[in-house]
Amino acid sequence: QNLAITMLAFATGEQLDQIELLRAPIFARPTPLTTGCAAVIDDDGRILLIQRADNKMWAMPGGAFEVGETPAEGAMREALEETGVGCQAVALVGVFDSRFCGTTSRHHLYQFTFLCKPTGATTEASHGHEVLQTHWFAEGELPPNIDPGHITRIPIAFQVWRGESPAFFDR
C-alpha cells in the first residue's frame, strides 16, 4: 500500500498527504482484476487463437486492461500486441467471473470477452514473447489443447457471432 500510494502521488503530482486519505477506502479494498479477450472471427467463421508461451495451450488473445482505456479498447490492443492483427470490437460476448469459467489463476478476474472483426490491418506483434504461434481455426476444427478458461467462452463467442445469443453475464 505504501508503494502504491507513493507511486500514485508521483504519477498524479498530488501531495502524498492528500493521497494518504485514500488508504482506507481505496487501497485497503482489494478488487478483482479486469482483463479482456478478443474473439476475432473472420467472415469465413474462423477464430484467431494464440498458442501461449507460458502453458503451450491455445487461447483467444487478451490480457489485463490498462488505466484509461475502455474494456473494448483493451481487448483490441491485446489482440494487436499478441497477434499483429488489427480488429474492431463489434459486440460484447460476455463478462465472466474467473471462478466460474474454468480459469486457473491465483487472482480473482473479471474477464470481458468481445466479438471482434479483423480490420485487415496487420503489424509486427509487439508481445511475441508471450505467444508461440497464431492460427485461424474453424469452429469445428479447434485444437484439443485449449486453455481451460477459454473452453467455455469460445463457443459462446461463436453463438454471438451467429446471432444466436445476446451477451452472457455470469449469474
C-alpha atoms as a PDB file:
ATOM      1  CA  GLN A   1       0.000   0.000   0.000  1.00  0.00           C
ATOM      2  CA  ASN A   2       2.815   2.398   0.821  1.00  0.00           C
ATOM      3  CA  LEU A   3       4.419   1.854  -2.560  1.00  0.00           C
ATOM      4  CA  ALA A   4       1.087   2.215  -4.385  1.00  0.00           C
ATOM      5  CA  ILE A   5       0.307   5.467  -2.571  1.00  0.00           C
ATOM      6  CA  THR A   6       3.769   6.862  -3.304  1.00  0.00           C
ATOM      7  CA  MET A   7       3.516   5.865  -6.981  1.00  0.00           C
ATOM      8  CA  LEU A   8       0.079   7.449  -7.321  1.00  0.00           C
ATOM      9  CA  ALA A   9       1.331  10.700  -5.772  1.00  0.00           C
ATOM     10  CA  PHE A  10       4.266  10.728  -8.189  1.00  0.00           C
ATOM     11  CA  ALA A  11       2.092   9.904 -11.231  1.00  0.00           C
ATOM     12  CA  THR A  12      -0.597  12.480 -10.468  1.00  0.00           C
ATOM     13  CA  GLY A  13       1.521  15.237  -8.966  1.00  0.00           C
ATOM     14  CA  GLU A  14      -0.692  15.293  -5.871  1.00  0.00           C
ATOM     15  CA  GLN A  15       0.666  15.700  -2.378  1.00  0.00           C
ATOM     16  CA  LEU A  16       1.344  12.468  -0.500  1.00  0.00           C
ATOM     17  CA  ASP A  17      -0.821  13.528   2.440  1.00  0.00           C
ATOM     18  CA  GLN A  18      -3.813  14.014   0.115  1.00  0.00           C
ATOM     19  CA  ILE A  19      -3.419  10.531  -1.338  1.00  0.00           C
ATOM     20  CA  GLU A  20      -2.866   9.047   2.118  1.00  0.00           C
ATOM     21  CA  LEU A  21      -6.552   9.781   2.722  1.00  0.00           C
ATOM     22  CA  LEU A  22      -7.323   7.060   0.136  1.00  0.00           C
ATOM     23  CA  ARG A  23      -5.602   4.312   2.137  1.00  0.00           C
ATOM     24  CA  ALA A  24      -8.680   3.017   3.985  1.00  0.00           C
ATOM     25  CA  PRO A  25     -11.410   3.499   1.364  1.00  0.00           C
ATOM     26  CA  ILE A  26      -9.408   2.511  -1.742  1.00  0.00           C
ATOM     27  CA  PHE A  27      -6.066   0.818  -1.148  1.00  0.00           C
ATOM     28  CA  ALA A  28      -7.304  -1.471   1.641  1.00  0.00           C
ATOM     29  CA  ARG A  29     -10.084  -2.864  -0.566  1.00  0.00           C
ATOM     30  CA  PRO A  30      -8.808  -5.491  -2.972  1.00  0.00           C
ATOM     31  CA  THR A  31     -10.989  -5.964  -6.036  1.00  0.00           C
ATOM     32  CA  PRO A  32     -10.929  -8.409  -8.940  1.00  0.00           C
ATOM     33  CA  LEU A  33      -8.529  -7.612 -11.764  1.00  0.00           C
ATOM     34  CA  THR A  34     -10.172  -6.722 -15.070  1.00  0.00           C
ATOM     35  CA  THR A  35      -8.942  -8.476 -18.171  1.00  0.00           C
ATOM     36  CA  GLY A  36     -10.210  -8.937 -21.675  1.00  0.00           C
ATOM     37  CA  CYS A  37     -10.077 -11.215 -24.674  1.00  0.00           C
ATOM     38  CA  ALA A  38     -10.756 -10.607 -28.334  1.00  0.00           C
ATOM     39  CA  ALA A  39     -12.767 -13.301 -30.094  1.00  0.00           C
ATOM     40  CA  VAL A  40     -11.570 -12.271 -33.558  1.00  0.00           C
ATOM     41  CA  ILE A  41     -13.778 -14.132 -36.037  1.00  0.00           C
ATOM     42  CA  ASP A  42     -13.441 -13.524 -39.768  1.00  0.00           C
ATOM     43  CA  ASP A  43     -16.143 -13.634 -42.468  1.00  0.00           C
ATOM     44  CA  ASP A  44     -15.408 -17.324 -43.055  1.00  0.00           C
ATOM     45  CA  GLY A  45     -16.223 -18.174 -39.431  1.00  0.00           C
ATOM     46  CA  ARG A  46     -12.646 -18.775 -38.317  1.00  0.00           C
ATOM     47  CA  ILE A  47     -11.422 -17.590 -34.926  1.00  0.00           C
ATOM     48  CA  LEU A  48      -7.906 -16.273 -34.354  1.00  0.00           C
ATOM     49  CA  LEU A  49      -6.203 -18.084 -31.480  1.00  0.00           C
ATOM     50  CA  ILE A  50      -2.759 -17.816 -29.945  1.00  0.00           C
ATOM     51  CA  GLN A  51      -0.656 -20.602 -28.523  1.00  0.00           C
ATOM     52  CA  ARG A  52       0.505 -19.207 -25.204  1.00  0.00           C
ATOM     53  CA  ALA A  53       4.205 -19.405 -24.370  1.00  0.00           C
ATOM     54  CA  ASP A  54       3.614 -19.990 -20.653  1.00  0.00           C
ATOM     55  CA  ASN A  55       1.418 -23.108 -20.813  1.00  0.00           C
ATOM     56  CA  LYS A  56       1.577 -24.086 -24.524  1.00  0.00           C
ATOM     57  CA  MET A  57      -2.245 -24.018 -24.722  1.00  0.00           C
ATOM     58  CA  TRP A  58      -4.428 -22.230 -27.274  1.00  0.00           C
ATOM     59  CA  ALA A  59      -6.454 -19.197 -26.243  1.00  0.00           C
ATOM     60  CA  MET A  60      -8.042 -16.025 -27.523  1.00  0.00           C
ATOM     61  CA  PRO A  61      -5.619 -13.098 -27.441  1.00  0.00           C
ATOM     62  CA  GLY A  62      -6.070 -10.988 -24.344  1.00  0.00           C
ATOM     63  CA  GLY A  63      -4.740  -9.700 -21.078  1.00  0.00           C
ATOM     64  CA  ALA A  64      -5.054  -7.073 -18.374  1.00  0.00           C
ATOM     65  CA  PHE A  65      -6.582  -3.699 -19.088  1.00  0.00           C
ATOM     66  CA  GLU A  66      -4.605  -0.506 -18.700  1.00  0.00           C
ATOM     67  CA  VAL A  67      -5.767   2.530 -16.768  1.00  0.00           C
ATOM     68  CA  GLY A  68      -7.613   4.935 -19.034  1.00  0.00           C
ATOM     69  CA  GLU A  69      -8.813   2.509 -21.699  1.00  0.00           C
ATOM     70  CA  THR A  70     -12.266   1.046 -22.124  1.00  0.00           C
ATOM     71  CA  PRO A  71     -12.684  -2.732 -21.942  1.00  0.00           C
ATOM     72  CA  ALA A  72     -13.217  -2.880 -25.727  1.00  0.00           C
ATOM     73  CA  GLU A  73     -10.080  -0.815 -26.349  1.00  0.00           C
ATOM     74  CA  GLY A  74      -8.114  -3.097 -24.046  1.00  0.00           C
ATOM     75  CA  ALA A  75      -9.250  -6.258 -25.826  1.00  0.00           C
ATOM     76  CA  MET A  76      -8.415  -4.782 -29.237  1.00  0.00           C
ATOM     77  CA  ARG A  77      -4.993  -3.593 -28.006  1.00  0.00           C
ATOM     78  CA  GLU A  78      -4.181  -7.018 -26.571  1.00  0.00           C
ATOM     79  CA  ALA A  79      -5.147  -8.708 -29.858  1.00  0.00           C
ATOM     80  CA  LEU A  80      -2.899  -6.384 -31.839  1.00  0.00           C
ATOM     81  CA  GLU A  81       0.016  -6.742 -29.410  1.00  0.00           C
ATOM     82  CA  GLU A  82      -0.143 -10.539 -29.317  1.00  0.00           C
ATOM     83  CA  THR A  83      -1.043 -11.306 -32.947  1.00  0.00           C
ATOM     84  CA  GLY A  84      -0.254  -8.242 -35.054  1.00  0.00           C
ATOM     85  CA  VAL A  85      -3.829  -8.421 -36.402  1.00  0.00           C
ATOM     86  CA  GLY A  86      -5.892  -5.262 -36.138  1.00  0.00           C
ATOM     87  CA  CYS A  87      -9.511  -5.743 -35.151  1.00  0.00           C
ATOM     88  CA  GLN A  88     -12.655  -3.841 -34.248  1.00  0.00           C
ATOM     89  CA  ALA A  89     -14.893  -4.831 -31.337  1.00  0.00           C
ATOM     90  CA  VAL A  90     -18.462  -5.286 -32.579  1.00  0.00           C
ATOM     91  CA  ALA A  91     -20.256  -6.908 -29.622  1.00  0.00           C
ATOM     92  CA  LEU A  92     -19.804  -7.866 -26.021  1.00  0.00           C
ATOM     93  CA  VAL A  93     -19.759 -11.651 -25.789  1.00  0.00           C
ATOM     94  CA  GLY A  94     -19.895 -11.515 -22.006  1.00  0.00           C
ATOM     95  CA  VAL A  95     -18.388 -10.712 -18.661  1.00  0.00           C
ATOM     96  CA  PHE A  96     -17.055 -13.839 -16.998  1.00  0.00           C
ATOM     97  CA  ASP A  97     -16.047 -14.442 -13.408  1.00  0.00           C
ATOM     98  CA  SER A  98     -12.811 -16.450 -13.389  1.00  0.00           C
ATOM     99  CA  ARG A  99     -14.074 -18.570 -10.509  1.00  0.00           C
ATOM    100  CA  PHE A 100     -16.884 -19.989 -12.673  1.00  0.00           C
ATOM    101  CA  CYS A 101     -15.475 -20.350 -16.205  1.00  0.00           C
ATOM    102  CA  GLY A 102     -12.512 -22.670 -15.720  1.00  0.00           C
ATOM    103  CA  THR A 103      -9.784 -20.059 -15.459  1.00  0.00           C
ATOM    104  CA  THR A 104      -6.854 -21.153 -13.340  1.00  0.00           C
ATOM    105  CA  SER A 105      -5.392 -18.030 -11.757  1.00  0.00           C
ATOM    106  CA  ARG A 106      -4.196 -17.078  -8.308  1.00  0.00           C
ATOM    107  CA  HIS A 107      -6.141 -13.831  -8.796  1.00  0.00           C
ATOM    108  CA  HIS A 108      -9.866 -13.247  -8.997  1.00  0.00           C
ATOM    109  CA  LEU A 109     -10.544 -11.884 -12.503  1.00  0.00           C
ATOM    110  CA  TYR A 110     -13.461 -10.306 -14.297  1.00  0.00           C
ATOM    111  CA  GLN A 111     -12.905 -11.297 -17.904  1.00  0.00           C
ATOM    112  CA  PHE A 112     -14.571  -9.222 -20.638  1.00  0.00           C
ATOM    113  CA  THR A 113     -14.789 -11.068 -23.936  1.00  0.00           C
ATOM    114  CA  PHE A 114     -15.545  -9.102 -27.104  1.00  0.00           C
ATOM    115  CA  LEU A 115     -16.542 -10.339 -30.524  1.00  0.00           C
ATOM    116  CA  CYS A 116     -14.192  -8.616 -32.948  1.00  0.00           C
ATOM    117  CA  LYS A 117     -13.875  -8.489 -36.705  1.00  0.00           C
ATOM    118  CA  PRO A 118     -10.461  -8.252 -38.328  1.00  0.00           C
ATOM    119  CA  THR A 119      -9.849  -4.881 -39.998  1.00  0.00           C
ATOM    120  CA  GLY A 120      -7.235  -6.084 -42.459  1.00  0.00           C
ATOM    121  CA  ALA A 121      -4.537  -4.019 -40.772  1.00  0.00           C
ATOM    122  CA  THR A 122      -1.520  -6.010 -39.690  1.00  0.00           C
ATOM    123  CA  THR A 123       1.706  -5.159 -37.937  1.00  0.00           C
ATOM    124  CA  GLU A 124       4.526  -6.923 -36.148  1.00  0.00           C
ATOM    125  CA  ALA A 125       3.280  -8.372 -32.864  1.00  0.00           C
ATOM    126  CA  SER A 126       4.898  -6.397 -30.052  1.00  0.00           C
ATOM    127  CA  HIS A 127       4.320  -9.081 -27.419  1.00  0.00           C
ATOM    128  CA  GLY A 128       5.545 -12.033 -29.436  1.00  0.00           C
ATOM    129  CA  HIS A 129       7.424 -13.356 -26.417  1.00  0.00           C
ATOM    130  CA  GLU A 130       4.021 -14.286 -24.906  1.00  0.00           C
ATOM    131  CA  VAL A 131       2.937 -16.234 -27.999  1.00  0.00           C
ATOM    132  CA  LEU A 132       4.426 -19.310 -29.650  1.00  0.00           C
ATOM    133  CA  GLN A 133       2.185 -19.102 -32.719  1.00  0.00           C
ATOM    134  CA  THR A 134      -1.124 -17.795 -34.034  1.00  0.00           C
ATOM    135  CA  HIS A 135      -3.612 -19.611 -36.213  1.00  0.00           C
ATOM    136  CA  TRP A 136      -7.138 -19.214 -37.611  1.00  0.00           C
ATOM    137  CA  PHE A 137      -9.434 -22.120 -36.669  1.00  0.00           C
ATOM    138  CA  ALA A 138     -12.877 -23.090 -37.923  1.00  0.00           C
ATOM    139  CA  GLU A 139     -15.334 -23.777 -35.116  1.00  0.00           C
ATOM    140  CA  GLY A 140     -15.385 -27.500 -35.818  1.00  0.00           C
ATOM    141  CA  GLU A 141     -11.592 -27.736 -36.055  1.00  0.00           C
ATOM    142  CA  LEU A 142     -10.447 -26.201 -32.769  1.00  0.00           C
ATOM    143  CA  PRO A 143      -7.236 -27.627 -31.293  1.00  0.00           C
ATOM    144  CA  PRO A 144      -7.598 -30.119 -28.434  1.00  0.00           C
ATOM    145  CA  ASN A 145      -5.367 -28.231 -26.000  1.00  0.00           C
ATOM    146  CA  ILE A 146      -7.422 -25.085 -25.332  1.00  0.00           C
ATOM    147  CA  ASP A 147      -6.668 -23.121 -22.174  1.00  0.00           C
ATOM    148  CA  PRO A 148      -9.260 -24.077 -19.510  1.00  0.00           C
ATOM    149  CA  GLY A 149     -10.502 -20.507 -19.116  1.00  0.00           C
ATOM    150  CA  HIS A 150     -11.308 -20.322 -22.827  1.00  0.00           C
ATOM    151  CA  ILE A 151     -13.071 -23.669 -23.294  1.00  0.00           C
ATOM    152  CA  THR A 152     -16.471 -22.266 -22.310  1.00  0.00           C
ATOM    153  CA  ARG A 153     -16.007 -18.762 -23.711  1.00  0.00           C
ATOM    154  CA  ILE A 154     -15.069 -19.670 -27.308  1.00  0.00           C
ATOM    155  CA  PRO A 155     -18.387 -21.463 -28.039  1.00  0.00           C
ATOM    156  CA  ILE A 156     -20.315 -18.511 -26.591  1.00  0.00           C
ATOM    157  CA  ALA A 157     -18.348 -16.171 -28.883  1.00  0.00           C
ATOM    158  CA  PHE A 158     -19.413 -18.244 -31.893  1.00  0.00           C
ATOM    159  CA  GLN A 159     -23.050 -18.123 -30.700  1.00  0.00           C
ATOM    160  CA  VAL A 160     -22.906 -14.325 -30.526  1.00  0.00           C
ATOM    161  CA  TRP A 161     -21.184 -14.210 -33.946  1.00  0.00           C
ATOM    162  CA  ARG A 162     -24.012 -16.265 -35.465  1.00  0.00           C
ATOM    163  CA  GLY A 163     -26.610 -14.046 -33.765  1.00  0.00           C
ATOM    164  CA  GLU A 164     -27.929 -16.922 -31.643  1.00  0.00           C
ATOM    165  CA  SER A 165     -27.192 -15.409 -28.259  1.00  0.00           C
ATOM    166  CA  PRO A 166     -27.037 -11.977 -26.654  1.00  0.00           C
ATOM    167  CA  ALA A 167     -24.161 -11.086 -24.368  1.00  0.00           C
ATOM    168  CA  PHE A 168     -23.541 -13.505 -21.487  1.00  0.00           C
ATOM    169  CA  PHE A 169     -23.182 -12.395 -17.888  1.00  0.00           C
ATOM    170  CA  ASP A 170     -22.337 -14.737 -15.024  1.00  0.00           C
ATOM    171  CA  ARG A 171     -25.392 -15.171 -12.900  1.00  0.00           C
END
